[in-house]
Amino acid sequence: MSKLYKVLTVGVTIGGSGFLAWGLMQAITPTREQMLEVLPEKNPQYMAASRKRSQEFLDVIKLAAETDQPVYREGIGVISSHIKKD
């Protein structure tokens, strides 16, 4: 009887811990609607800044591809100074 009691006690302990962990995850995990609210597409200023950074990055890559000198010799500062500033 002692062995059965020990097995049941361990099983209930593990099961209870798993159920408690599941309940905690359900309580603190945001819903799909909450996650969609914080996407950058909802904020026009953030999206404009992101587009500007992407365009500047593409301009640097394009300029580096057009030059014969490697980027590591000229440095990013020299290349970025060639890019037009808006």
C-alpha atoms as a PDB file:
ATOM      1  CA  MET A   1       0.000   0.000   0.000  1.00  0.00           C
ATOM      2  CA  SER A   2       2.876   2.307   0.733  1.00  0.00           C
ATOM      3  CA  LYS A   3       4.210   1.943  -2.818  1.00  0.00           C
ATOM      4  CA  LEU A   4       0.822   2.776  -4.345  1.00  0.00           C
ATOM      5  CA  TYR A   5       0.504   5.827  -2.089  1.00  0.00           C
ATOM      6  CA  LYS A   6       3.954   7.048  -3.149  1.00  0.00           C
ATOM      7  CA  VAL A   7       3.189   6.597  -6.871  1.00  0.00           C
ATOM      8  CA  LEU A   8      -0.126   8.430  -6.552  1.00  0.00           C
ATOM      9  CA  THR A   9       1.463  11.240  -4.547  1.00  0.00           C
ATOM     10  CA  VAL A  10       4.201  11.737  -7.132  1.00  0.00           C
ATOM     11  CA  GLY A  11       1.659  11.592  -9.978  1.00  0.00           C
ATOM     12  CA  VAL A  12      -0.637  14.135  -8.364  1.00  0.00           C
ATOM     13  CA  THR A  13       2.322  16.412  -7.596  1.00  0.00           C
ATOM     14  CA  ILE A  14       3.609  16.317 -11.169  1.00  0.00           C
ATOM     15  CA  GLY A  15       0.109  16.691 -12.621  1.00  0.00           C
ATOM     16  CA  GLY A  16      -0.723  19.561 -10.300  1.00  0.00           C
ATOM     17  CA  SER A  17       2.525  21.337 -11.161  1.00  0.00           C
ATOM     18  CA  GLY A  18       1.813  20.945 -14.864  1.00  0.00           C
ATOM     19  CA  PHE A  19      -1.720  22.243 -14.453  1.00  0.00           C
ATOM     20  CA  LEU A  20      -0.459  25.199 -12.406  1.00  0.00           C
ATOM     21  CA  ALA A  21       2.146  26.013 -15.089  1.00  0.00           C
ATOM     22  CA  TRP A  22      -0.510  25.811 -17.806  1.00  0.00           C
ATOM     23  CA  GLY A  23      -2.808  28.132 -15.856  1.00  0.00           C
ATOM     24  CA  LEU A  24      -0.004  30.632 -15.302  1.00  0.00           C
ATOM     25  CA  MET A  25       0.884  30.632 -19.014  1.00  0.00           C
ATOM     26  CA  GLN A  26      -2.770  31.202 -19.927  1.00  0.00           C
ATOM     27  CA  ALA A  27      -2.934  34.137 -17.531  1.00  0.00           C
ATOM     28  CA  ILE A  28       0.207  35.972 -18.699  1.00  0.00           C
ATOM     29  CA  THR A  29       0.267  35.217 -22.434  1.00  0.00           C
ATOM     30  CA  PRO A  30      -1.231  38.095 -24.465  1.00  0.00           C
ATOM     31  CA  THR A  31      -4.137  37.377 -26.763  1.00  0.00           C
ATOM     32  CA  ARG A  32      -3.873  37.565 -30.537  1.00  0.00           C
ATOM     33  CA  GLU A  33      -5.700  40.900 -30.545  1.00  0.00           C
ATOM     34  CA  GLN A  34      -3.290  42.357 -27.986  1.00  0.00           C
ATOM     35  CA  MET A  35      -0.299  41.249 -30.060  1.00  0.00           C
ATOM     36  CA  LEU A  36      -1.760  42.747 -33.238  1.00  0.00           C
ATOM     37  CA  GLU A  37      -2.242  46.110 -31.508  1.00  0.00           C
ATOM     38  CA  VAL A  38       1.499  46.574 -30.909  1.00  0.00           C
ATOM     39  CA  LEU A  39       2.641  45.779 -34.442  1.00  0.00           C
ATOM     40  CA  PRO A  40       4.624  48.553 -36.130  1.00  0.00           C
ATOM     41  CA  GLU A  41       2.061  48.826 -38.925  1.00  0.00           C
ATOM     42  CA  LYS A  42      -0.308  50.484 -36.467  1.00  0.00           C
ATOM     43  CA  ASN A  43       2.090  53.401 -35.898  1.00  0.00           C
ATOM     44  CA  PRO A  44       2.609  55.534 -39.048  1.00  0.00           C
ATOM     45  CA  GLN A  45       5.601  57.428 -37.638  1.00  0.00           C
ATOM     46  CA  TYR A  46       7.404  54.209 -36.793  1.00  0.00           C
ATOM     47  CA  MET A  47       6.707  52.813 -40.245  1.00  0.00           C
ATOM     48  CA  ALA A  48       8.014  55.995 -41.906  1.00  0.00           C
ATOM     49  CA  ALA A  49      11.212  55.840 -39.845  1.00  0.00           C
ATOM     50  CA  SER A  50      11.598  52.162 -40.677  1.00  0.00           C
ATOM     51  CA  ARG A  51      11.178  52.823 -44.390  1.00  0.00           C
ATOM     52  CA  LYS A  52      13.739  55.634 -44.215  1.00  0.00           C
ATOM     53  CA  ARG A  53      16.288  53.381 -42.455  1.00  0.00           C
ATOM     54  CA  SER A  54      15.709  50.651 -45.017  1.00  0.00           C
ATOM     55  CA  GLN A  55      16.159  53.065 -47.902  1.00  0.00           C
ATOM     56  CA  GLU A  56      19.374  54.466 -46.405  1.00  0.00           C
ATOM     57  CA  PHE A  57      20.698  50.953 -45.924  1.00  0.00           C
ATOM     58  CA  LEU A  58      19.898  50.066 -49.536  1.00  0.00           C
ATOM     59  CA  ASP A  59      21.591  53.269 -50.712  1.00  0.00           C
ATOM     60  CA  VAL A  60      24.759  52.320 -48.807  1.00  0.00           C
ATOM     61  CA  ILE A  61      24.734  48.836 -50.309  1.00  0.00           C
ATOM     62  CA  LYS A  62      24.166  50.241 -53.806  1.00  0.00           C
ATOM     63  CA  LEU A  63      27.000  52.737 -53.439  1.00  0.00           C
ATOM     64  CA  ALA A  64      29.323  50.058 -52.068  1.00  0.00           C
ATOM     65  CA  ALA A  65      28.473  47.808 -55.007  1.00  0.00           C
ATOM     66  CA  GLU A  66      29.234  50.564 -57.519  1.00  0.00           C
ATOM     67  CA  THR A  67      32.680  51.422 -56.104  1.00  0.00           C
ATOM     68  CA  ASP A  68      35.888  49.507 -56.702  1.00  0.00           C
ATOM     69  CA  GLN A  69      37.138  50.062 -53.173  1.00  0.00           C
ATOM     70  CA  PRO A  70      35.941  47.692 -50.446  1.00  0.00           C
ATOM     71  CA  VAL A  71      33.734  49.192 -47.771  1.00  0.00           C
ATOM     72  CA  TYR A  72      36.117  48.293 -44.975  1.00  0.00           C
ATOM     73  CA  ARG A  73      38.849  50.484 -46.510  1.00  0.00           C
ATOM     74  CA  GLU A  74      36.712  53.570 -47.024  1.00  0.00           C
ATOM     75  CA  GLY A  75      34.630  53.155 -43.910  1.00  0.00           C
ATOM     76  CA  ILE A  76      30.934  53.549 -43.481  1.00  0.00           C
ATOM     77  CA  GLY A  77      31.281  57.257 -42.680  1.00  0.00           C
ATOM     78  CA  VAL A  78      32.775  58.024 -46.093  1.00  0.00           C
ATOM     79  CA  ILE A  79      30.135  56.009 -47.901  1.00  0.00           C
ATOM     80  CA  SER A  80      27.258  57.454 -45.928  1.00  0.00           C
ATOM     81  CA  SER A  81      28.520  60.989 -46.604  1.00  0.00           C
ATOM     82  CA  HIS A  82      28.050  60.336 -50.333  1.00  0.00           C
ATOM     83  CA  ILE A  83      24.396  59.492 -49.847  1.00  0.00           C
ATOM     84  CA  LYS A  84      21.999  62.391 -50.253  1.00  0.00           C
ATOM     85  CA  LYS A  85      20.420  63.587 -47.039  1.00  0.00           C
ATOM     86  CA  ASP A  86      16.671  64.227 -46.979  1.00  0.00           C
END
